[in-house]
Amino acid sequence: MRTYTTLSEAINDLSKRGYTANFNIKVDCIECAEDRLRLHPDEFIIDEVYRFQEMSDLDNESILYAISSPRNGIKGLLVNAYGIYSETATTELVNKLSGRA
């Protein structure tokens, strides 16, 4: 796994490596709105995870997931505030994103 200084640096590099879809968290899945594709926890793999914290605001943390779905032939990124998904997502999805699946 690589090391990145900033979130934007990581996004730019991962995009160059083929992670071009933009995923968002839904209640029981992640969704790529551009492709109208919904992936449930058993349909995607988390390839890489990076955490970032702004030095000017230590409470401002974000997490970047590089996600692939060989079954659907898609690779993309999910950016989220660290821990926010736990309030809106199902236990299965939270476990997958936190590495407990």
PDB file of N, CA and C in Angstrom:
ATOM      1  N   MET A   1       0.851  -1.174   0.000  1.00  0.00           N
ATOM      2  CA  MET A   1       0.000   0.000   0.000  1.00  0.00           C
ATOM      3  C   MET A   1       0.896   1.237   0.000  1.00  0.00           C
ATOM      4  N   ARG A   2       0.449   2.253  -0.669  1.00  0.00           N
ATOM      5  CA  ARG A   2       1.210   3.486  -0.796  1.00  0.00           C
ATOM      6  C   ARG A   2       0.929   4.430   0.358  1.00  0.00           C
ATOM      7  N   THR A   3       1.741   5.461   0.450  1.00  0.00           N
ATOM      8  CA  THR A   3       1.557   6.490   1.468  1.00  0.00           C
ATOM      9  C   THR A   3       1.249   7.805   0.774  1.00  0.00           C
ATOM     10  N   TYR A   4       0.224   8.496   1.266  1.00  0.00           N
ATOM     11  CA  TYR A   4      -0.177   9.774   0.698  1.00  0.00           C
ATOM     12  C   TYR A   4      -0.201  10.830   1.798  1.00  0.00           C
ATOM     13  N   THR A   5       0.135  12.050   1.431  1.00  0.00           N
ATOM     14  CA  THR A   5       0.133  13.159   2.374  1.00  0.00           C
ATOM     15  C   THR A   5      -1.249  13.776   2.510  1.00  0.00           C
ATOM     16  N   THR A   6      -1.980  13.849   1.399  1.00  0.00           N
ATOM     17  CA  THR A   6      -3.291  14.489   1.406  1.00  0.00           C
ATOM     18  C   THR A   6      -4.334  13.596   0.738  1.00  0.00           C
ATOM     19  N   LEU A   7      -5.586  13.870   1.056  1.00  0.00           N
ATOM     20  CA  LEU A   7      -6.697  13.157   0.445  1.00  0.00           C
ATOM     21  C   LEU A   7      -6.701  13.366  -1.064  1.00  0.00           C
ATOM     22  N   SER A   8      -6.496  14.592  -1.511  1.00  0.00           N
ATOM     23  CA  SER A   8      -6.526  14.867  -2.958  1.00  0.00           C
ATOM     24  C   SER A   8      -5.398  14.140  -3.691  1.00  0.00           C
ATOM     25  N   GLU A   9      -4.243  14.018  -3.077  1.00  0.00           N
ATOM     26  CA  GLU A   9      -3.133  13.280  -3.681  1.00  0.00           C
ATOM     27  C   GLU A   9      -3.516  11.804  -3.849  1.00  0.00           C
ATOM     28  N   ALA A  10      -4.136  11.232  -2.847  1.00  0.00           N
ATOM     29  CA  ALA A  10      -4.560   9.834  -2.913  1.00  0.00           C
ATOM     30  C   ALA A  10      -5.622   9.638  -3.990  1.00  0.00           C
ATOM     31  N   ILE A  11      -6.615  10.523  -4.025  1.00  0.00           N
ATOM     32  CA  ILE A  11      -7.684  10.420  -5.028  1.00  0.00           C
ATOM     33  C   ILE A  11      -7.103  10.505  -6.432  1.00  0.00           C
ATOM     34  N   ASN A  12      -6.198  11.446  -6.665  1.00  0.00           N
ATOM     35  CA  ASN A  12      -5.600  11.599  -7.996  1.00  0.00           C
ATOM     36  C   ASN A  12      -4.834  10.348  -8.410  1.00  0.00           C
ATOM     37  N   ASP A  13      -4.041   9.784  -7.500  1.00  0.00           N
ATOM     38  CA  ASP A  13      -3.261   8.603  -7.840  1.00  0.00           C
ATOM     39  C   ASP A  13      -4.148   7.383  -8.061  1.00  0.00           C
ATOM     40  N   LEU A  14      -5.100   7.178  -7.171  1.00  0.00           N
ATOM     41  CA  LEU A  14      -5.999   6.032  -7.331  1.00  0.00           C
ATOM     42  C   LEU A  14      -6.838   6.149  -8.605  1.00  0.00           C
ATOM     43  N   SER A  15      -7.238   7.350  -8.954  1.00  0.00           N
ATOM     44  CA  SER A  15      -7.982   7.551 -10.212  1.00  0.00           C
ATOM     45  C   SER A  15      -7.125   7.144 -11.405  1.00  0.00           C
ATOM     46  N   LYS A  16      -5.850   7.498 -11.372  1.00  0.00           N
ATOM     47  CA  LYS A  16      -4.937   7.099 -12.446  1.00  0.00           C
ATOM     48  C   LYS A  16      -4.766   5.595 -12.507  1.00  0.00           C
ATOM     49  N   ARG A  17      -4.963   4.921 -11.371  1.00  0.00           N
ATOM     50  CA  ARG A  17      -4.838   3.470 -11.314  1.00  0.00           C
ATOM     51  C   ARG A  17      -6.153   2.762 -11.597  1.00  0.00           C
ATOM     52  N   GLY A  18      -7.152   3.509 -12.081  1.00  0.00           N
ATOM     53  CA  GLY A  18      -8.387   2.893 -12.550  1.00  0.00           C
ATOM     54  C   GLY A  18      -9.574   2.978 -11.617  1.00  0.00           C
ATOM     55  N   TYR A  19      -9.423   3.594 -10.453  1.00  0.00           N
ATOM     56  CA  TYR A  19     -10.541   3.747  -9.513  1.00  0.00           C
ATOM     57  C   TYR A  19     -11.308   5.021  -9.887  1.00  0.00           C
ATOM     58  N   THR A  20     -12.188   4.889 -10.861  1.00  0.00           N
ATOM     59  CA  THR A  20     -12.824   6.069 -11.445  1.00  0.00           C
ATOM     60  C   THR A  20     -14.279   6.288 -11.036  1.00  0.00           C
ATOM     61  N   ALA A  21     -14.940   5.267 -10.535  1.00  0.00           N
ATOM     62  CA  ALA A  21     -16.334   5.429 -10.106  1.00  0.00           C
ATOM     63  C   ALA A  21     -16.374   6.161  -8.765  1.00  0.00           C
ATOM     64  N   ASN A  22     -17.461   6.879  -8.529  1.00  0.00           N
ATOM     65  CA  ASN A  22     -17.660   7.582  -7.262  1.00  0.00           C
ATOM     66  C   ASN A  22     -18.783   6.892  -6.495  1.00  0.00           C
ATOM     67  N   PHE A  23     -18.432   6.280  -5.369  1.00  0.00           N
ATOM     68  CA  PHE A  23     -19.400   5.563  -4.558  1.00  0.00           C
ATOM     69  C   PHE A  23     -19.892   6.414  -3.398  1.00  0.00           C
ATOM     70  N   ASN A  24     -21.140   6.195  -3.020  1.00  0.00           N
ATOM     71  CA  ASN A  24     -21.749   6.823  -1.852  1.00  0.00           C
ATOM     72  C   ASN A  24     -22.381   5.735  -1.003  1.00  0.00           C
ATOM     73  N   ILE A  25     -22.446   5.972   0.296  1.00  0.00           N
ATOM     74  CA  ILE A  25     -23.043   5.008   1.204  1.00  0.00           C
ATOM     75  C   ILE A  25     -24.552   5.186   1.237  1.00  0.00           C
ATOM     76  N   LYS A  26     -25.244   4.078   1.090  1.00  0.00           N
ATOM     77  CA  LYS A  26     -26.693   4.016   1.266  1.00  0.00           C
ATOM     78  C   LYS A  26     -26.958   3.128   2.481  1.00  0.00           C
ATOM     79  N   VAL A  27     -28.193   2.880   2.803  1.00  0.00           N
ATOM     80  CA  VAL A  27     -28.516   2.123   4.014  1.00  0.00           C
ATOM     81  C   VAL A  27     -27.917   0.720   4.000  1.00  0.00           C
ATOM     82  N   ASP A  28     -28.078  -0.013   2.898  1.00  0.00           N
ATOM     83  CA  ASP A  28     -27.626  -1.399   2.872  1.00  0.00           C
ATOM     84  C   ASP A  28     -26.631  -1.710   1.762  1.00  0.00           C
ATOM     85  N   CYS A  29     -26.081  -0.665   1.138  1.00  0.00           N
ATOM     86  CA  CYS A  29     -25.168  -0.880   0.022  1.00  0.00           C
ATOM     87  C   CYS A  29     -24.335   0.378  -0.218  1.00  0.00           C
ATOM     88  N   ILE A  30     -23.440   0.281  -1.196  1.00  0.00           N
ATOM     89  CA  ILE A  30     -22.792   1.482  -1.716  1.00  0.00           C
ATOM     90  C   ILE A  30     -23.337   1.658  -3.128  1.00  0.00           C
ATOM     91  N   GLU A  31     -23.368   2.901  -3.572  1.00  0.00           N
ATOM     92  CA  GLU A  31     -24.006   3.194  -4.847  1.00  0.00           C
ATOM     93  C   GLU A  31     -23.107   4.069  -5.704  1.00  0.00           C
ATOM     94  N   CYS A  32     -23.065   3.750  -6.994  1.00  0.00           N
ATOM     95  CA  CYS A  32     -22.430   4.594  -7.982  1.00  0.00           C
ATOM     96  C   CYS A  32     -23.567   5.195  -8.804  1.00  0.00           C
ATOM     97  N   ALA A  33     -23.894   6.446  -8.518  1.00  0.00           N
ATOM     98  CA  ALA A  33     -25.041   7.094  -9.165  1.00  0.00           C
ATOM     99  C   ALA A  33     -24.858   7.223 -10.671  1.00  0.00           C
ATOM    100  N   GLU A  34     -23.627   7.504 -11.114  1.00  0.00           N
ATOM    101  CA  GLU A  34     -23.387   7.679 -12.555  1.00  0.00           C
ATOM    102  C   GLU A  34     -23.755   6.432 -13.343  1.00  0.00           C
ATOM    103  N   ASP A  35     -23.458   5.254 -12.784  1.00  0.00           N
ATOM    104  CA  ASP A  35     -23.732   3.986 -13.466  1.00  0.00           C
ATOM    105  C   ASP A  35     -25.036   3.343 -13.004  1.00  0.00           C
ATOM    106  N   ARG A  36     -25.721   4.000 -12.058  1.00  0.00           N
ATOM    107  CA  ARG A  36     -26.946   3.442 -11.465  1.00  0.00           C
ATOM    108  C   ARG A  36     -26.710   2.017 -10.973  1.00  0.00           C
ATOM    109  N   LEU A  37     -25.597   1.859 -10.267  1.00  0.00           N
ATOM    110  CA  LEU A  37     -25.195   0.550  -9.785  1.00  0.00           C
ATOM    111  C   LEU A  37     -25.152   0.559  -8.264  1.00  0.00           C
ATOM    112  N   ARG A  38     -25.771  -0.437  -7.670  1.00  0.00           N
ATOM    113  CA  ARG A  38     -25.741  -0.610  -6.209  1.00  0.00           C
ATOM    114  C   ARG A  38     -24.997  -1.894  -5.905  1.00  0.00           C
ATOM    115  N   LEU A  39     -24.033  -1.803  -4.985  1.00  0.00           N
ATOM    116  CA  LEU A  39     -23.254  -2.967  -4.590  1.00  0.00           C
ATOM    117  C   LEU A  39     -23.495  -3.265  -3.125  1.00  0.00           C
ATOM    118  N   HIS A  40     -23.924  -4.478  -2.838  1.00  0.00           N
ATOM    119  CA  HIS A  40     -24.129  -4.923  -1.467  1.00  0.00           C
ATOM    120  C   HIS A  40     -22.810  -5.463  -0.927  1.00  0.00           C
ATOM    121  N   PRO A  41     -22.667  -5.601   0.378  1.00  0.00           N
ATOM    122  CA  PRO A  41     -21.372  -5.980   0.964  1.00  0.00           C
ATOM    123  C   PRO A  41     -20.711  -7.220   0.366  1.00  0.00           C
ATOM    124  N   ASP A  42     -21.490  -8.186  -0.072  1.00  0.00           N
ATOM    125  CA  ASP A  42     -20.890  -9.386  -0.657  1.00  0.00           C
ATOM    126  C   ASP A  42     -20.508  -9.216  -2.125  1.00  0.00           C
ATOM    127  N   GLU A  43     -20.741  -8.028  -2.686  1.00  0.00           N
ATOM    128  CA  GLU A  43     -20.475  -7.787  -4.104  1.00  0.00           C
ATOM    129  C   GLU A  43     -19.274  -6.888  -4.357  1.00  0.00           C
ATOM    130  N   PHE A  44     -18.577  -6.457  -3.300  1.00  0.00           N
ATOM    131  CA  PHE A  44     -17.407  -5.612  -3.521  1.00  0.00           C
ATOM    132  C   PHE A  44     -16.280  -5.970  -2.570  1.00  0.00           C
ATOM    133  N   ILE A  45     -15.083  -5.548  -2.959  1.00  0.00           N
ATOM    134  CA  ILE A  45     -13.863  -5.782  -2.186  1.00  0.00           C
ATOM    135  C   ILE A  45     -13.252  -4.429  -1.853  1.00  0.00           C
ATOM    136  N   ILE A  46     -12.788  -4.274  -0.639  1.00  0.00           N
ATOM    137  CA  ILE A  46     -12.057  -3.067  -0.260  1.00  0.00           C
ATOM    138  C   ILE A  46     -10.585  -3.361  -0.486  1.00  0.00           C
ATOM    139  N   ASP A  47     -10.014  -2.742  -1.514  1.00  0.00           N
ATOM    140  CA  ASP A  47      -8.628  -3.003  -1.894  1.00  0.00           C
ATOM    141  C   ASP A  47      -7.635  -2.230  -1.030  1.00  0.00           C
ATOM    142  N   GLU A  48      -7.967  -0.983  -0.730  1.00  0.00           N
ATOM    143  CA  GLU A  48      -7.069  -0.129   0.047  1.00  0.00           C
ATOM    144  C   GLU A  48      -7.903   0.835   0.881  1.00  0.00           C
ATOM    145  N   VAL A  49      -7.367   1.227   2.045  1.00  0.00           N
ATOM    146  CA  VAL A  49      -8.029   2.181   2.930  1.00  0.00           C
ATOM    147  C   VAL A  49      -7.000   3.188   3.402  1.00  0.00           C
ATOM    148  N   TYR A  50      -7.365   4.473   3.362  1.00  0.00           N
ATOM    149  CA  TYR A  50      -6.485   5.544   3.832  1.00  0.00           C
ATOM    150  C   TYR A  50      -7.275   6.478   4.728  1.00  0.00           C
ATOM    151  N   ARG A  51      -6.650   6.901   5.819  1.00  0.00           N
ATOM    152  CA  ARG A  51      -7.269   7.861   6.730  1.00  0.00           C
ATOM    153  C   ARG A  51      -6.476   9.158   6.690  1.00  0.00           C
ATOM    154  N   PHE A  52      -7.210  10.261   6.732  1.00  0.00           N
ATOM    155  CA  PHE A  52      -6.580  11.579   6.692  1.00  0.00           C
ATOM    156  C   PHE A  52      -7.162  12.459   7.778  1.00  0.00           C
ATOM    157  N   GLN A  53      -6.316  13.313   8.341  1.00  0.00           N
ATOM    158  CA  GLN A  53      -6.746  14.261   9.365  1.00  0.00           C
ATOM    159  C   GLN A  53      -6.140  15.608   9.029  1.00  0.00           C
ATOM    160  N   GLU A  54      -6.991  16.617   8.980  1.00  0.00           N
ATOM    161  CA  GLU A  54      -6.507  17.967   8.696  1.00  0.00           C
ATOM    162  C   GLU A  54      -5.771  18.509   9.901  1.00  0.00           C
ATOM    163  N   MET A  55      -4.577  19.024   9.675  1.00  0.00           N
ATOM    164  CA  MET A  55      -3.781  19.558  10.775  1.00  0.00           C
ATOM    165  C   MET A  55      -4.434  20.801  11.388  1.00  0.00           C
ATOM    166  N   SER A  56      -5.157  21.563  10.586  1.00  0.00           N
ATOM    167  CA  SER A  56      -5.801  22.778  11.099  1.00  0.00           C
ATOM    168  C   SER A  56      -7.055  22.481  11.911  1.00  0.00           C
ATOM    169  N   ASP A  57      -7.616  21.276  11.735  1.00  0.00           N
ATOM    170  CA  ASP A  57      -8.829  20.886  12.453  1.00  0.00           C
ATOM    171  C   ASP A  57      -8.734  19.405  12.786  1.00  0.00           C
ATOM    172  N   LEU A  58      -8.247  19.097  13.976  1.00  0.00           N
ATOM    173  CA  LEU A  58      -8.003  17.705  14.342  1.00  0.00           C
ATOM    174  C   LEU A  58      -9.274  16.881  14.438  1.00  0.00           C
ATOM    175  N   ASP A  59     -10.436  17.527  14.526  1.00  0.00           N
ATOM    176  CA  ASP A  59     -11.706  16.795  14.547  1.00  0.00           C
ATOM    177  C   ASP A  59     -12.186  16.442  13.149  1.00  0.00           C
ATOM    178  N   ASN A  60     -11.535  16.981  12.124  1.00  0.00           N
ATOM    179  CA  ASN A  60     -11.936  16.757  10.745  1.00  0.00           C
ATOM    180  C   ASN A  60     -11.133  15.594  10.168  1.00  0.00           C
ATOM    181  N   GLU A  61     -11.702  14.394  10.249  1.00  0.00           N
ATOM    182  CA  GLU A  61     -11.054  13.203   9.724  1.00  0.00           C
ATOM    183  C   GLU A  61     -11.870  12.646   8.571  1.00  0.00           C
ATOM    184  N   SER A  62     -11.172  12.119   7.597  1.00  0.00           N
ATOM    185  CA  SER A  62     -11.874  11.467   6.497  1.00  0.00           C
ATOM    186  C   SER A  62     -11.192  10.142   6.208  1.00  0.00           C
ATOM    187  N   ILE A  63     -11.947   9.291   5.569  1.00  0.00           N
ATOM    188  CA  ILE A  63     -11.438   7.972   5.208  1.00  0.00           C
ATOM    189  C   ILE A  63     -11.731   7.739   3.726  1.00  0.00           C
ATOM    190  N   LEU A  64     -10.769   7.179   3.040  1.00  0.00           N
ATOM    191  CA  LEU A  64     -10.872   6.919   1.610  1.00  0.00           C
ATOM    192  C   LEU A  64     -10.761   5.414   1.382  1.00  0.00           C
ATOM    193  N   TYR A  65     -11.751   4.864   0.700  1.00  0.00           N
ATOM    194  CA  TYR A  65     -11.755   3.449   0.351  1.00  0.00           C
ATOM    195  C   TYR A  65     -11.555   3.310  -1.154  1.00  0.00           C
ATOM    196  N   ALA A  66     -10.620   2.451  -1.553  1.00  0.00           N
ATOM    197  CA  ALA A  66     -10.477   2.042  -2.951  1.00  0.00           C
ATOM    198  C   ALA A  66     -11.211   0.712  -3.055  1.00  0.00           C
ATOM    199  N   ILE A  67     -12.265   0.690  -3.850  1.00  0.00           N
ATOM    200  CA  ILE A  67     -13.194  -0.445  -3.897  1.00  0.00           C
ATOM    201  C   ILE A  67     -13.252  -1.018  -5.307  1.00  0.00           C
ATOM    202  N   SER A  68     -13.324  -2.338  -5.375  1.00  0.00           N
ATOM    203  CA  SER A  68     -13.507  -2.984  -6.681  1.00  0.00           C
ATOM    204  C   SER A  68     -14.607  -4.034  -6.592  1.00  0.00           C
ATOM    205  N   SER A  69     -15.199  -4.289  -7.724  1.00  0.00           N
ATOM    206  CA  SER A  69     -16.202  -5.344  -7.842  1.00  0.00           C
ATOM    207  C   SER A  69     -15.910  -6.114  -9.133  1.00  0.00           C
ATOM    208  N   PRO A  70     -15.100  -7.166  -9.027  1.00  0.00           N
ATOM    209  CA  PRO A  70     -14.776  -7.939 -10.224  1.00  0.00           C
ATOM    210  C   PRO A  70     -16.023  -8.456 -10.945  1.00  0.00           C
ATOM    211  N   ARG A  71     -17.037  -8.809 -10.186  1.00  0.00           N
ATOM    212  CA  ARG A  71     -18.286  -9.319 -10.757  1.00  0.00           C
ATOM    213  C   ARG A  71     -18.949  -8.280 -11.670  1.00  0.00           C
ATOM    214  N   ASN A  72     -18.833  -7.006 -11.281  1.00  0.00           N
ATOM    215  CA  ASN A  72     -19.463  -5.930 -12.050  1.00  0.00           C
ATOM    216  C   ASN A  72     -18.477  -5.148 -12.911  1.00  0.00           C
ATOM    217  N   GLY A  73     -17.199  -5.485 -12.841  1.00  0.00           N
ATOM    218  CA  GLY A  73     -16.191  -4.827 -13.660  1.00  0.00           C
ATOM    219  C   GLY A  73     -16.037  -3.344 -13.360  1.00  0.00           C
ATOM    220  N   ILE A  74     -16.083  -2.981 -12.086  1.00  0.00           N
ATOM    221  CA  ILE A  74     -16.004  -1.574 -11.716  1.00  0.00           C
ATOM    222  C   ILE A  74     -15.025  -1.379 -10.564  1.00  0.00           C
ATOM    223  N   LYS A  75     -14.319  -0.258 -10.613  1.00  0.00           N
ATOM    224  CA  LYS A  75     -13.416   0.144  -9.536  1.00  0.00           C
ATOM    225  C   LYS A  75     -13.706   1.607  -9.230  1.00  0.00           C
ATOM    226  N   GLY A  76     -13.735   1.938  -7.953  1.00  0.00           N
ATOM    227  CA  GLY A  76     -14.033   3.318  -7.613  1.00  0.00           C
ATOM    228  C   GLY A  76     -13.621   3.680  -6.203  1.00  0.00           C
ATOM    229  N   LEU A  77     -13.991   4.895  -5.833  1.00  0.00           N
ATOM    230  CA  LEU A  77     -13.601   5.458  -4.546  1.00  0.00           C
ATOM    231  C   LEU A  77     -14.815   5.843  -3.723  1.00  0.00           C
ATOM    232  N   LEU A  78     -14.668   5.681  -2.431  1.00  0.00           N
ATOM    233  CA  LEU A  78     -15.674   6.109  -1.472  1.00  0.00           C
ATOM    234  C   LEU A  78     -14.960   6.961  -0.439  1.00  0.00           C
ATOM    235  N   VAL A  79     -15.358   8.224  -0.325  1.00  0.00           N
ATOM    236  CA  VAL A  79     -14.780   9.133   0.658  1.00  0.00           C
ATOM    237  C   VAL A  79     -15.852   9.427   1.686  1.00  0.00           C
ATOM    238  N   ASN A  80     -15.481   9.332   2.958  1.00  0.00           N
ATOM    239  CA  ASN A  80     -16.460   9.559   4.002  1.00  0.00           C
ATOM    240  C   ASN A  80     -15.780  10.138   5.226  1.00  0.00           C
ATOM    241  N   ALA A  81     -16.545  10.875   6.001  1.00  0.00           N
ATOM    242  CA  ALA A  81     -16.044  11.325   7.291  1.00  0.00           C
ATOM    243  C   ALA A  81     -15.884  10.094   8.157  1.00  0.00           C
ATOM    244  N   TYR A  82     -14.797   9.986   8.849  1.00  0.00           N
ATOM    245  CA  TYR A  82     -14.480   8.792   9.616  1.00  0.00           C
ATOM    246  C   TYR A  82     -15.573   8.478  10.630  1.00  0.00           C
ATOM    247  N   GLY A  83     -16.165   7.287  10.496  1.00  0.00           N
ATOM    248  CA  GLY A  83     -17.151   6.824  11.446  1.00  0.00           C
ATOM    249  C   GLY A  83     -18.578   7.261  11.198  1.00  0.00           C
ATOM    250  N   ILE A  84     -18.824   8.164  10.263  1.00  0.00           N
ATOM    251  CA  ILE A  84     -20.169   8.686  10.036  1.00  0.00           C
ATOM    252  C   ILE A  84     -21.126   7.607   9.550  1.00  0.00           C
ATOM    253  N   TYR A  85     -20.654   6.666   8.741  1.00  0.00           N
ATOM    254  CA  TYR A  85     -21.542   5.652   8.173  1.00  0.00           C
ATOM    255  C   TYR A  85     -22.229   4.809   9.230  1.00  0.00           C
ATOM    256  N   SER A  86     -21.676   4.729  10.412  1.00  0.00           N
ATOM    257  CA  SER A  86     -22.244   3.841  11.423  1.00  0.00           C
ATOM    258  C   SER A  86     -23.641   4.253  11.864  1.00  0.00           C
ATOM    259  N   GLU A  87     -24.026   5.496  11.627  1.00  0.00           N
ATOM    260  CA  GLU A  87     -25.351   5.949  12.032  1.00  0.00           C
ATOM    261  C   GLU A  87     -26.437   5.625  11.017  1.00  0.00           C
ATOM    262  N   THR A  88     -26.079   5.436   9.762  1.00  0.00           N
ATOM    263  CA  THR A  88     -27.101   5.289   8.725  1.00  0.00           C
ATOM    264  C   THR A  88     -27.069   3.950   7.999  1.00  0.00           C
ATOM    265  N   ALA A  89     -26.009   3.205   8.124  1.00  0.00           N
ATOM    266  CA  ALA A  89     -25.871   1.976   7.355  1.00  0.00           C
ATOM    267  C   ALA A  89     -26.230   0.749   8.186  1.00  0.00           C
ATOM    268  N   THR A  90     -26.519  -0.331   7.478  1.00  0.00           N
ATOM    269  CA  THR A  90     -26.820  -1.585   8.164  1.00  0.00           C
ATOM    270  C   THR A  90     -25.556  -2.130   8.824  1.00  0.00           C
ATOM    271  N   THR A  91     -25.733  -3.020   9.769  1.00  0.00           N
ATOM    272  CA  THR A  91     -24.606  -3.628  10.471  1.00  0.00           C
ATOM    273  C   THR A  91     -23.678  -4.339   9.497  1.00  0.00           C
ATOM    274  N   GLU A  92     -24.256  -5.026   8.520  1.00  0.00           N
ATOM    275  CA  GLU A  92     -23.452  -5.755   7.535  1.00  0.00           C
ATOM    276  C   GLU A  92     -22.547  -4.808   6.745  1.00  0.00           C
ATOM    277  N   LEU A  93     -23.090  -3.672   6.310  1.00  0.00           N
ATOM    278  CA  LEU A  93     -22.308  -2.710   5.561  1.00  0.00           C
ATOM    279  C   LEU A  93     -21.248  -2.052   6.453  1.00  0.00           C
ATOM    280  N   VAL A  94     -21.603  -1.687   7.660  1.00  0.00           N
ATOM    281  CA  VAL A  94     -20.648  -1.090   8.598  1.00  0.00           C
ATOM    282  C   VAL A  94     -19.499  -2.063   8.860  1.00  0.00           C
ATOM    283  N   ASN A  95     -19.813  -3.325   9.071  1.00  0.00           N
ATOM    284  CA  ASN A  95     -18.776  -4.318   9.312  1.00  0.00           C
ATOM    285  C   ASN A  95     -17.837  -4.461   8.128  1.00  0.00           C
ATOM    286  N   LYS A  96     -18.383  -4.428   6.930  1.00  0.00           N
ATOM    287  CA  LYS A  96     -17.549  -4.535   5.724  1.00  0.00           C
ATOM    288  C   LYS A  96     -16.612  -3.343   5.637  1.00  0.00           C
ATOM    289  N   LEU A  97     -17.130  -2.136   5.841  1.00  0.00           N
ATOM    290  CA  LEU A  97     -16.320  -0.930   5.717  1.00  0.00           C
ATOM    291  C   LEU A  97     -15.309  -0.775   6.851  1.00  0.00           C
ATOM    292  N   SER A  98     -15.588  -1.367   7.990  1.00  0.00           N
ATOM    293  CA  SER A  98     -14.651  -1.243   9.108  1.00  0.00           C
ATOM    294  C   SER A  98     -13.676  -2.423   9.180  1.00  0.00           C
ATOM    295  N   GLY A  99     -13.767  -3.307   8.210  1.00  0.00           N
ATOM    296  CA  GLY A  99     -12.824  -4.412   8.135  1.00  0.00           C
ATOM    297  C   GLY A  99     -13.183  -5.601   8.994  1.00  0.00           C
ATOM    298  N   ARG A 100     -14.408  -5.683   9.457  1.00  0.00           N
ATOM    299  CA  ARG A 100     -14.828  -6.795  10.309  1.00  0.00           C
ATOM    300  C   ARG A 100     -15.629  -7.842   9.545  1.00  0.00           C
ATOM    301  N   ALA A 101     -15.750  -7.677   8.250  1.00  0.00           N
ATOM    302  CA  ALA A 101     -16.557  -8.639   7.473  1.00  0.00           C
ATOM    303  C   ALA A 101     -15.693  -9.771   6.969  1.00  0.00           C
TER     304      ALA A 101
END
